[in-house]
Amino acid sequence: MASNAVGLIIRSQYLGEPNLVFADAREHVDPKLGISRFGPKSYSPRRRHPVTVRVGFIGTADTMAATGDWIKKGAEGVPGDAKHPEFPRITPPKSHGISLLASISRPEDFLGGRLG
């Protein structure tokens, strides 16, 4: 039985990772290394840099306790190893002038326990 299928050729090309821009227009391909070494792009000029980063979560008492612990631990930074760069801290002294403001609530805190 003969086939009437038409061959399809797909051509592709690898595009390398672009450099990301950080403070003082310094560039790096890795976001964690770039933040650690140079600071966020908004850090320079200072007038554009936020003072506070606000995050919010909704969940049960157990998930909110776990979330709070996770945020506190992550805010201290995560050490790197031979294969992975450190994740920068967001608490002083190397916080790039940002403080973290977290609002953690439980569903029962809204509308007397009703969510609409």
Protein backbone atom coordinates (compact mmCIF):
# COMPACT_ATOMS: atom_id res chain seq x y z
CA MET A 1 0.00 0.00 0.00
CA ALA A 2 1.49 3.34 -1.05
CA SER A 3 1.68 6.30 1.33
CA ASN A 4 0.69 9.81 0.28
CA ALA A 5 2.29 11.41 3.35
CA VAL A 6 4.20 14.63 2.76
CA GLY A 7 7.47 15.08 4.66
CA LEU A 8 7.64 18.07 6.96
CA ILE A 9 10.96 19.66 7.84
CA ILE A 10 11.20 21.70 11.01
CA ARG A 11 14.20 23.93 11.46
CA SER A 12 15.21 25.24 14.82
CA GLN A 13 17.95 27.33 16.30
CA TYR A 14 19.29 27.56 19.86
CA LEU A 15 19.13 31.04 21.32
CA GLY A 16 21.45 31.54 24.26
CA GLU A 17 20.25 33.02 27.54
CA PRO A 18 20.16 36.81 27.40
CA ASN A 19 22.05 38.87 29.96
CA LEU A 20 19.86 40.45 32.62
CA VAL A 21 20.45 44.04 33.73
CA PHE A 22 21.10 44.83 37.40
CA ALA A 23 22.12 47.93 39.40
CA ASP A 24 24.45 50.39 37.69
CA ALA A 25 23.61 48.76 34.33
CA ARG A 26 25.76 45.73 35.19
CA GLU A 27 24.82 42.51 33.43
CA HIS A 28 24.82 38.82 34.24
CA VAL A 29 23.06 35.79 32.79
CA ASP A 30 22.19 34.27 36.20
CA PRO A 31 19.51 36.14 38.19
CA LYS A 32 20.75 34.92 41.59
CA LEU A 33 24.37 35.83 40.92
CA GLY A 34 23.41 39.16 39.40
CA ILE A 35 21.30 40.15 42.42
CA SER A 36 23.98 38.96 44.86
CA ARG A 37 26.83 40.74 43.12
CA PHE A 38 25.22 43.94 41.83
CA GLY A 39 21.80 44.38 43.44
CA PRO A 40 18.45 44.86 41.70
CA LYS A 41 18.19 47.21 38.73
CA SER A 42 16.00 49.57 40.72
CA TYR A 43 18.83 49.98 43.26
CA SER A 44 20.43 52.56 41.02
CA PRO A 45 19.13 55.23 40.86
CA ARG A 46 17.87 54.97 44.46
CA ARG A 47 14.75 57.06 43.81
CA ARG A 48 13.23 54.11 41.90
CA HIS A 49 14.09 51.47 44.50
CA PRO A 50 11.22 50.23 46.70
CA VAL A 51 11.68 50.37 50.46
CA THR A 52 9.20 47.57 51.18
CA VAL A 53 8.16 44.45 49.33
CA ARG A 54 4.65 43.40 50.34
CA VAL A 55 3.52 39.80 50.11
CA GLY A 56 0.27 38.28 51.26
CA PHE A 57 -1.01 34.76 51.83
CA ILE A 58 -4.32 33.17 52.75
CA GLY A 59 -4.60 29.71 54.22
CA THR A 60 -5.31 27.57 57.25
CA ALA A 61 -3.59 28.17 60.58
CA ASP A 62 -1.19 25.29 59.87
CA THR A 63 -0.30 26.41 56.35
CA MET A 64 0.15 30.01 57.48
CA ALA A 65 2.50 28.97 60.30
CA ALA A 66 4.52 26.91 57.81
CA THR A 67 4.49 29.79 55.31
CA GLY A 68 5.70 32.25 57.93
CA ASP A 69 8.55 29.94 58.92
CA TRP A 70 9.45 29.41 55.25
CA ILE A 71 9.51 33.18 54.55
CA LYS A 72 11.66 33.90 57.62
CA LYS A 73 14.12 31.17 56.69
CA GLY A 74 14.32 32.25 53.03
CA ALA A 75 14.74 35.91 53.98
CA GLU A 76 18.04 34.98 55.62
CA GLY A 77 19.30 33.71 52.26
CA VAL A 78 20.14 30.22 51.11
CA PRO A 79 23.79 29.16 51.01
CA GLY A 80 25.16 27.89 47.75
CA ASP A 81 27.40 24.96 47.00
CA ALA A 82 29.80 23.89 44.24
CA LYS A 83 26.96 23.61 41.71
CA HIS A 84 24.51 26.30 42.87
CA PRO A 85 25.05 29.97 43.71
CA GLU A 86 23.78 31.34 46.99
CA PHE A 87 20.32 32.88 47.06
CA PRO A 88 20.72 36.41 48.41
CA ARG A 89 19.22 37.45 51.72
CA ILE A 90 16.53 40.10 51.97
CA THR A 91 17.31 41.03 55.57
CA PRO A 92 20.02 43.41 56.75
CA PRO A 93 22.91 43.85 56.41
CA LYS A 94 22.81 42.84 52.72
CA SER A 95 19.20 43.46 51.85
CA HIS A 96 19.72 46.17 49.23
CA GLY A 97 17.64 48.51 51.39
CA ILE A 98 14.46 46.43 51.17
CA SER A 99 12.38 45.20 54.06
CA LEU A 100 9.84 42.42 53.71
CA LEU A 101 6.31 43.07 54.96
CA ALA A 102 4.19 39.92 55.07
CA SER A 103 0.47 39.75 55.70
CA ILE A 104 -0.64 36.26 56.63
CA SER A 105 -4.35 35.61 57.08
CA ARG A 106 -6.66 32.64 57.48
CA PRO A 107 -9.92 32.21 55.52
CA GLU A 108 -11.96 32.46 58.73
CA ASP A 109 -10.64 36.02 59.16
CA PHE A 110 -12.68 37.15 56.14
CA LEU A 111 -16.41 37.92 56.20
CA GLY A 112 -16.93 36.10 59.49
CA GLY A 113 -15.74 32.82 58.03
CA ARG A 114 -17.62 33.18 54.73
CA LEU A 115 -15.58 33.66 51.58
CA GLY A 116 -18.27 35.28 49.53
